Amino acid sequence: MSGLLLSEAHQGFPGHLGGIRLLEFTTDCRRFFYADLDMTATVRTGDGDEHVFKLSSDGQKTRAMDRIHSAVFSDDGSKVYVAAGLHLRCLDLDRGVQAWSYRPANLYGFLQSTPRAIGITANKNVFLCNDNGTMDLFRPDGAHVARWRSSLSPNMVSRHYNGSWFYGSDGHGVTVWDPEDRRLIMSIRSSVRVYALRGFPKSDRVVVRTDAGVSIIDAFNGQVQRTFPVGYGLPILDVSPDGNRILVGQIRGIGIYDLEGHRTGGAEVPGARVLSARFHPQGGLVLGTDSGSIVQVPG
């Protein structure tokens, strides 16, 4: 996978003219997922295989919901689960087909509901959060395990390093969930809007992007360890694999900060705006742009 990114990514991948909205990697980096604003999802592998999925729209009345909100690989990398439009979709990468899908129920019978955030639990079940206040648990084959409701149902999640819990946010604070037990472990309310969050590797801390800047929070006592200002930009956020750097969307590119809030670097793509960015697990950065290009930045 690293060979794919280093040799090809800087040239951009064709067919993604809507802008690259999401970037995800398997744990072993052998598969790479990217999705654009036109509901097209692509999975590439290190040996050159490629699966392209044009995720169908639900019709003219729901056109405003036609976007890919989130995606996550199964732990073995054989499937990718995508929250797109009004559906959670399971894409089987060994067969190159959609294996199953799920659509959350309308709210009050007529308000369309969308799946927003996805995670994979330690038991390999799919944890799904919907914007109608419900959360679901599915087995990998699509069998429904449980559904429960909470006024704090998150619209973004990040897996805790222990593999069993998830950080989440509904935009008004930080929560910690154990989806297998359908249990809210911790809730921290915020006086400022939360736009993105990401858990740290091997520590009980979460970083959030808010109206006040970037904050590092101890998720189990609610203590804000540090807040530092950053320039305006898209709510792009990531933590490096060693836990020592934070990636933040800024203006047309991204900035890199240490844990003290000092800017240590950044990246832009000439003639384009960065819409998504991640630290690559094997080093460097991967950026998705509004021109449909994916760019590898060494470092």
Foldseek 3Di string as FASTA:
>chain_A
DVVCFVPPQAVFDPDAQQWWADWDAAPVRQKIWIDGQQQKIKIAGPVGDIAIDRDDEPDDVQVVQAGWQDKDAFNVRQWMWTFGRQKTWIQGNVVSGTQDIDGDAAAPRPHGKTWAEWDAAPVRWIWIFIPNQKIWTAHSNGHTDDMDGDPFGFNYWEAEQVRQKIWGGNQFWIWIDRVVVRDTDATAGHPWTWDDKYYAHPAQWMWTQTPQAIWIANRNPGDTPDGDHDADAHQEWEAANVRFWIWGGHDQWIFIAGPNGDTDGIDHDPPWGFNYKYADNVAFIWTMTSRNGIHTGGD
